[in-house]
Amino acid sequence: MKLYNRAEFLKLPKGTIYAKGEEWAFDSLAVKGESLKNDWWYFDPSGIEVNDSGEMIDRFENMKRIGTSYPMDDCFYRDGMFEENDLFMVFELDDLVRLKGFVEVAIQLMEKGGD
């Protein structure tokens, strides 16, 4: 993995897998979309498909209370935070290959009927 500052991160191509953070705590995995002037679009694979924040809360409550499942959200969102001191832990090729291996195992387990 490689650490980038904001200016260098904005130069990276869309599709880059990363975790945004600060010294020394990082958020969850995200996928970079197009860069804007001092901002970018991103995809958070841990989000669920919703139309608004009220529906999101309702769906989270249903997931917690009765075990409902919802599809992963596939929307890209604008970061919009403009925090110059943010750091970006970027996955390199070897990291992505390892991550792919974990995903492949998880898919095999799900195909065998695992939850």
N, C-alpha and C. Protein backbone atom coordinates (compact mmCIF):
# COMPACT_ATOMS: atom_id res chain seq x y z
N MET A 1 0.85 -1.16 0.00
CA MET A 1 0.00 0.00 0.00
C MET A 1 0.90 1.23 0.00
N LYS A 2 0.35 2.31 -0.55
CA LYS A 2 1.15 3.52 -0.64
C LYS A 2 0.33 4.71 -0.14
N LEU A 3 0.97 5.59 0.59
CA LEU A 3 0.33 6.75 1.18
C LEU A 3 0.49 7.96 0.26
N TYR A 4 -0.63 8.66 0.02
CA TYR A 4 -0.63 9.86 -0.83
C TYR A 4 -1.21 11.03 -0.06
N ASN A 5 -0.73 12.23 -0.37
CA ASN A 5 -1.39 13.43 0.13
C ASN A 5 -2.52 13.79 -0.85
N ARG A 6 -3.28 14.79 -0.52
CA ARG A 6 -4.45 15.15 -1.33
C ARG A 6 -4.08 15.52 -2.78
N ALA A 7 -3.07 16.36 -2.94
CA ALA A 7 -2.69 16.81 -4.29
C ALA A 7 -2.29 15.64 -5.18
N GLU A 8 -1.51 14.71 -4.64
CA GLU A 8 -1.08 13.56 -5.43
C GLU A 8 -2.24 12.59 -5.67
N PHE A 9 -3.10 12.43 -4.67
CA PHE A 9 -4.25 11.54 -4.82
C PHE A 9 -5.17 12.01 -5.95
N LEU A 10 -5.38 13.31 -6.05
CA LEU A 10 -6.26 13.85 -7.10
C LEU A 10 -5.75 13.54 -8.50
N LYS A 11 -4.46 13.27 -8.65
CA LYS A 11 -3.88 12.94 -9.95
C LYS A 11 -4.10 11.47 -10.33
N LEU A 12 -4.50 10.64 -9.37
CA LEU A 12 -4.67 9.21 -9.64
C LEU A 12 -5.92 8.97 -10.49
N PRO A 13 -5.94 7.89 -11.26
CA PRO A 13 -7.07 7.64 -12.16
C PRO A 13 -8.31 7.14 -11.42
N LYS A 14 -9.46 7.30 -12.08
CA LYS A 14 -10.68 6.72 -11.53
C LYS A 14 -10.50 5.21 -11.49
N GLY A 15 -11.13 4.58 -10.52
CA GLY A 15 -10.97 3.14 -10.32
C GLY A 15 -9.95 2.80 -9.25
N THR A 16 -9.18 3.79 -8.79
CA THR A 16 -8.20 3.57 -7.73
C THR A 16 -8.93 3.16 -6.45
N ILE A 17 -8.45 2.11 -5.80
CA ILE A 17 -9.02 1.63 -4.53
C ILE A 17 -8.19 2.25 -3.39
N TYR A 18 -8.88 2.82 -2.41
CA TYR A 18 -8.15 3.54 -1.36
C TYR A 18 -8.97 3.60 -0.06
N ALA A 19 -8.31 4.08 0.99
CA ALA A 19 -8.96 4.42 2.25
C ALA A 19 -8.50 5.82 2.61
N LYS A 20 -9.43 6.72 2.85
CA LYS A 20 -9.13 8.10 3.22
C LYS A 20 -8.97 8.20 4.73
N GLY A 21 -8.06 9.08 5.17
CA GLY A 21 -7.90 9.23 6.59
C GLY A 21 -7.02 10.40 6.97
N GLU A 22 -6.51 10.30 8.17
CA GLU A 22 -5.59 11.28 8.72
C GLU A 22 -4.60 10.51 9.59
N GLU A 23 -3.58 11.17 10.08
CA GLU A 23 -2.60 10.47 10.92
C GLU A 23 -3.29 9.86 12.13
N TRP A 24 -3.24 8.69 12.36
CA TRP A 24 -3.02 7.46 11.59
C TRP A 24 -4.25 6.59 11.68
N ALA A 25 -5.34 7.13 11.25
CA ALA A 25 -6.62 6.42 11.24
C ALA A 25 -7.27 6.62 9.88
N PHE A 26 -7.76 5.51 9.31
CA PHE A 26 -8.33 5.56 7.98
C PHE A 26 -9.75 5.03 7.97
N ASP A 27 -10.57 5.58 7.06
CA ASP A 27 -11.95 5.14 6.87
C ASP A 27 -11.97 3.82 6.10
N SER A 28 -13.15 3.39 5.76
CA SER A 28 -13.30 2.13 5.03
C SER A 28 -12.88 2.27 3.57
N LEU A 29 -12.80 1.17 2.91
CA LEU A 29 -12.41 1.08 1.51
C LEU A 29 -13.34 1.89 0.63
N ALA A 30 -12.80 2.54 -0.38
CA ALA A 30 -13.59 3.31 -1.34
C ALA A 30 -12.96 3.18 -2.72
N VAL A 31 -13.75 3.52 -3.74
CA VAL A 31 -13.27 3.49 -5.12
C VAL A 31 -13.34 4.92 -5.65
N LYS A 32 -12.22 5.40 -6.17
CA LYS A 32 -12.15 6.77 -6.67
C LYS A 32 -12.83 6.88 -8.02
N GLY A 33 -13.63 7.93 -8.16
CA GLY A 33 -14.20 8.28 -9.46
C GLY A 33 -13.37 9.39 -10.08
N GLU A 34 -13.99 10.16 -10.95
CA GLU A 34 -13.30 11.27 -11.61
C GLU A 34 -12.88 12.34 -10.61
N SER A 35 -11.73 12.94 -10.85
CA SER A 35 -11.29 14.08 -10.05
C SER A 35 -11.91 15.35 -10.62
N LEU A 36 -12.19 16.28 -9.71
CA LEU A 36 -12.63 17.61 -10.08
C LEU A 36 -11.45 18.54 -9.78
N LYS A 37 -11.67 19.83 -9.71
CA LYS A 37 -10.54 20.75 -9.47
C LYS A 37 -9.81 20.44 -8.16
N ASN A 38 -10.52 20.39 -7.05
CA ASN A 38 -9.90 20.09 -5.76
C ASN A 38 -10.76 19.09 -4.99
N ASP A 39 -11.40 18.20 -5.72
CA ASP A 39 -12.38 17.29 -5.16
C ASP A 39 -12.48 16.08 -6.09
N TRP A 40 -13.27 15.11 -5.73
CA TRP A 40 -13.43 13.92 -6.57
C TRP A 40 -14.73 13.23 -6.22
N TRP A 41 -15.12 12.31 -7.09
CA TRP A 41 -16.26 11.44 -6.86
C TRP A 41 -15.73 10.13 -6.29
N TYR A 42 -16.55 9.46 -5.46
CA TYR A 42 -16.13 8.20 -4.89
C TYR A 42 -17.32 7.26 -4.72
N PHE A 43 -17.04 5.98 -4.65
CA PHE A 43 -18.02 4.93 -4.42
C PHE A 43 -17.65 4.22 -3.12
N ASP A 44 -18.63 4.06 -2.25
CA ASP A 44 -18.44 3.37 -0.97
C ASP A 44 -19.16 2.03 -1.05
N PRO A 45 -18.42 0.92 -1.14
CA PRO A 45 -19.08 -0.39 -1.29
C PRO A 45 -19.85 -0.85 -0.06
N SER A 46 -19.74 -0.13 1.06
CA SER A 46 -20.48 -0.54 2.24
C SER A 46 -21.85 0.13 2.35
N GLY A 47 -22.20 0.95 1.37
CA GLY A 47 -23.50 1.60 1.36
C GLY A 47 -24.59 0.70 0.80
N ILE A 48 -25.83 0.94 1.23
CA ILE A 48 -26.97 0.19 0.67
C ILE A 48 -27.77 1.10 -0.24
N GLU A 49 -28.51 0.50 -1.15
CA GLU A 49 -29.31 1.23 -2.13
C GLU A 49 -30.49 1.92 -1.43
N VAL A 50 -30.54 3.25 -1.51
CA VAL A 50 -31.62 4.04 -0.91
C VAL A 50 -31.90 5.25 -1.79
N ASN A 51 -33.06 5.86 -1.56
CA ASN A 51 -33.43 7.07 -2.28
C ASN A 51 -33.18 8.34 -1.48
N ASP A 52 -33.15 8.23 -0.14
CA ASP A 52 -32.90 9.39 0.70
C ASP A 52 -32.49 8.93 2.10
N SER A 53 -32.11 9.88 2.94
CA SER A 53 -31.60 9.52 4.27
C SER A 53 -32.67 8.89 5.16
N GLY A 54 -33.93 9.27 5.01
CA GLY A 54 -35.00 8.65 5.78
C GLY A 54 -35.14 7.18 5.45
N GLU A 55 -35.10 6.87 4.15
CA GLU A 55 -35.18 5.46 3.73
C GLU A 55 -33.96 4.69 4.22
N MET A 56 -32.80 5.34 4.25
CA MET A 56 -31.59 4.67 4.73
C MET A 56 -31.77 4.24 6.19
N ILE A 57 -32.24 5.15 7.03
CA ILE A 57 -32.45 4.82 8.45
C ILE A 57 -33.47 3.69 8.58
N ASP A 58 -34.58 3.77 7.84
CA ASP A 58 -35.60 2.71 7.88
C ASP A 58 -35.01 1.36 7.49
N ARG A 59 -34.21 1.36 6.43
CA ARG A 59 -33.62 0.11 5.97
C ARG A 59 -32.60 -0.44 6.97
N PHE A 60 -31.80 0.44 7.55
CA PHE A 60 -30.87 -0.03 8.58
C PHE A 60 -31.62 -0.62 9.76
N GLU A 61 -32.72 0.02 10.16
CA GLU A 61 -33.53 -0.51 11.26
C GLU A 61 -34.10 -1.88 10.91
N ASN A 62 -34.59 -2.05 9.68
CA ASN A 62 -35.10 -3.35 9.23
C ASN A 62 -34.01 -4.41 9.20
N MET A 63 -32.83 -4.01 8.79
CA MET A 63 -31.71 -4.95 8.77
C MET A 63 -31.38 -5.41 10.19
N LYS A 64 -31.36 -4.47 11.11
CA LYS A 64 -31.03 -4.79 12.50
C LYS A 64 -32.14 -5.59 13.17
N ARG A 65 -33.38 -5.16 12.99
CA ARG A 65 -34.50 -5.73 13.72
C ARG A 65 -34.96 -7.08 13.17
N ILE A 66 -35.09 -7.18 11.83
CA ILE A 66 -35.68 -8.41 11.27
C ILE A 66 -34.79 -9.13 10.26
N GLY A 67 -33.58 -8.63 10.06
CA GLY A 67 -32.64 -9.33 9.19
C GLY A 67 -32.84 -9.12 7.70
N THR A 68 -33.55 -8.07 7.34
CA THR A 68 -33.76 -7.77 5.92
C THR A 68 -32.41 -7.48 5.26
N SER A 69 -32.29 -7.82 3.99
CA SER A 69 -31.08 -7.44 3.25
C SER A 69 -31.47 -6.54 2.09
N TYR A 70 -30.56 -5.68 1.71
CA TYR A 70 -30.76 -4.74 0.61
C TYR A 70 -29.54 -4.77 -0.28
N PRO A 71 -29.72 -4.46 -1.57
CA PRO A 71 -28.56 -4.46 -2.47
C PRO A 71 -27.57 -3.34 -2.14
N MET A 72 -26.34 -3.58 -2.53
CA MET A 72 -25.28 -2.59 -2.38
C MET A 72 -25.60 -1.38 -3.26
N ASP A 73 -25.37 -0.21 -2.73
CA ASP A 73 -25.52 1.03 -3.49
C ASP A 73 -24.41 1.10 -4.53
N ASP A 74 -24.72 1.54 -5.74
CA ASP A 74 -23.68 1.65 -6.76
C ASP A 74 -23.49 3.09 -7.24
N CYS A 75 -23.96 4.05 -6.44
CA CYS A 75 -23.83 5.46 -6.78
C CYS A 75 -22.46 6.00 -6.38
N PHE A 76 -22.00 6.96 -7.15
CA PHE A 76 -20.80 7.70 -6.79
C PHE A 76 -21.23 9.01 -6.14
N TYR A 77 -20.52 9.41 -5.10
CA TYR A 77 -20.81 10.63 -4.36
C TYR A 77 -19.62 11.56 -4.41
N ARG A 78 -19.89 12.85 -4.29
CA ARG A 78 -18.81 13.82 -4.26
C ARG A 78 -18.25 13.91 -2.85
N ASP A 79 -16.92 13.91 -2.71
CA ASP A 79 -16.32 13.99 -1.39
C ASP A 79 -16.69 15.31 -0.71
N GLY A 80 -16.36 16.43 -1.31
CA GLY A 80 -16.79 17.73 -0.84
C GLY A 80 -16.28 18.19 0.50
N MET A 81 -15.25 17.58 1.05
CA MET A 81 -14.77 17.96 2.37
C MET A 81 -13.63 18.99 2.31
N PHE A 82 -12.84 18.97 1.27
CA PHE A 82 -11.77 19.94 1.05
C PHE A 82 -10.79 20.03 2.22
N GLU A 83 -10.50 18.91 2.86
CA GLU A 83 -9.56 18.86 3.97
C GLU A 83 -8.15 18.66 3.42
N GLU A 84 -7.36 19.69 3.41
CA GLU A 84 -6.03 19.65 2.81
C GLU A 84 -5.09 18.66 3.49
N ASN A 85 -5.32 18.33 4.75
CA ASN A 85 -4.43 17.43 5.47
C ASN A 85 -4.83 15.96 5.35
N ASP A 86 -5.89 15.65 4.61
CA ASP A 86 -6.28 14.25 4.44
C ASP A 86 -5.15 13.45 3.82
N LEU A 87 -5.10 12.19 4.19
CA LEU A 87 -4.14 11.24 3.63
C LEU A 87 -4.93 10.11 2.97
N PHE A 88 -4.30 9.44 2.02
CA PHE A 88 -4.97 8.40 1.26
C PHE A 88 -4.08 7.17 1.17
N MET A 89 -4.56 6.06 1.76
CA MET A 89 -3.84 4.80 1.70
C MET A 89 -4.34 4.08 0.45
N VAL A 90 -3.50 3.98 -0.55
CA VAL A 90 -3.89 3.46 -1.86
C VAL A 90 -3.39 2.03 -2.02
N PHE A 91 -4.28 1.16 -2.45
CA PHE A 91 -3.97 -0.24 -2.69
C PHE A 91 -3.14 -0.35 -3.97
N GLU A 92 -2.01 -1.06 -3.86
CA GLU A 92 -1.17 -1.31 -5.03
C GLU A 92 -1.51 -2.69 -5.60
N LEU A 93 -0.87 -3.06 -6.69
CA LEU A 93 -1.21 -4.29 -7.40
C LEU A 93 -1.22 -5.51 -6.49
N ASP A 94 -0.16 -5.75 -5.73
CA ASP A 94 -0.12 -6.92 -4.84
C ASP A 94 -1.25 -6.90 -3.82
N ASP A 95 -1.58 -5.70 -3.33
CA ASP A 95 -2.68 -5.57 -2.37
C ASP A 95 -4.01 -5.93 -3.02
N LEU A 96 -4.20 -5.47 -4.25
CA LEU A 96 -5.45 -5.74 -4.97
C LEU A 96 -5.60 -7.23 -5.28
N VAL A 97 -4.49 -7.89 -5.61
CA VAL A 97 -4.53 -9.33 -5.86
C VAL A 97 -4.94 -10.07 -4.58
N ARG A 98 -4.38 -9.66 -3.45
CA ARG A 98 -4.76 -10.28 -2.17
C ARG A 98 -6.23 -10.02 -1.84
N LEU A 99 -6.67 -8.80 -2.06
CA LEU A 99 -8.07 -8.45 -1.82
C LEU A 99 -8.99 -9.28 -2.71
N LYS A 100 -8.61 -9.43 -3.96
CA LYS A 100 -9.39 -10.25 -4.90
C LYS A 100 -9.51 -11.68 -4.39
N GLY A 101 -8.45 -12.21 -3.81
CA GLY A 101 -8.49 -13.56 -3.24
C GLY A 101 -9.51 -13.67 -2.13
N PHE A 102 -9.57 -12.68 -1.25
CA PHE A 102 -10.56 -12.68 -0.18
C PHE A 102 -11.98 -12.63 -0.74
N VAL A 103 -12.17 -11.81 -1.76
CA VAL A 103 -13.50 -11.70 -2.38
C VAL A 103 -13.88 -13.02 -3.05
N GLU A 104 -12.95 -13.65 -3.73
CA GLU A 104 -13.23 -14.94 -4.37
C GLU A 104 -13.63 -16.00 -3.36
N VAL A 105 -12.97 -16.05 -2.22
CA VAL A 105 -13.32 -17.00 -1.16
C VAL A 105 -14.72 -16.70 -0.64
N ALA A 106 -15.02 -15.42 -0.42
CA ALA A 106 -16.35 -15.03 0.07
C ALA A 106 -17.44 -15.42 -0.93
N ILE A 107 -17.17 -15.26 -2.21
CA ILE A 107 -18.14 -15.66 -3.24
C ILE A 107 -18.36 -17.16 -3.21
N GLN A 108 -17.29 -17.93 -3.09
CA GLN A 108 -17.42 -19.39 -3.03
C GLN A 108 -18.26 -19.81 -1.83
N LEU A 109 -18.04 -19.17 -0.69
CA LEU A 109 -18.83 -19.49 0.50
C LEU A 109 -20.30 -19.17 0.29
N MET A 110 -20.60 -18.04 -0.31
CA MET A 110 -21.98 -17.65 -0.56
C MET A 110 -22.64 -18.59 -1.55
N GLU A 111 -21.90 -19.03 -2.56
CA GLU A 111 -22.44 -19.95 -3.55
C GLU A 111 -22.76 -21.31 -2.94
N LYS A 112 -22.05 -21.65 -1.86
CA LYS A 112 -22.30 -22.92 -1.17
C LYS A 112 -23.43 -22.81 -0.15
N GLY A 113 -24.03 -21.61 -0.07
CA GLY A 113 -25.16 -21.43 0.82
C GLY A 113 -24.85 -20.76 2.12
N GLY A 114 -23.67 -20.21 2.26
CA GLY A 114 -23.32 -19.51 3.49
C GLY A 114 -23.96 -18.14 3.54
N ASP A 115 -24.12 -17.61 4.73
CA ASP A 115 -24.67 -16.26 4.86
C ASP A 115 -23.57 -15.29 5.01
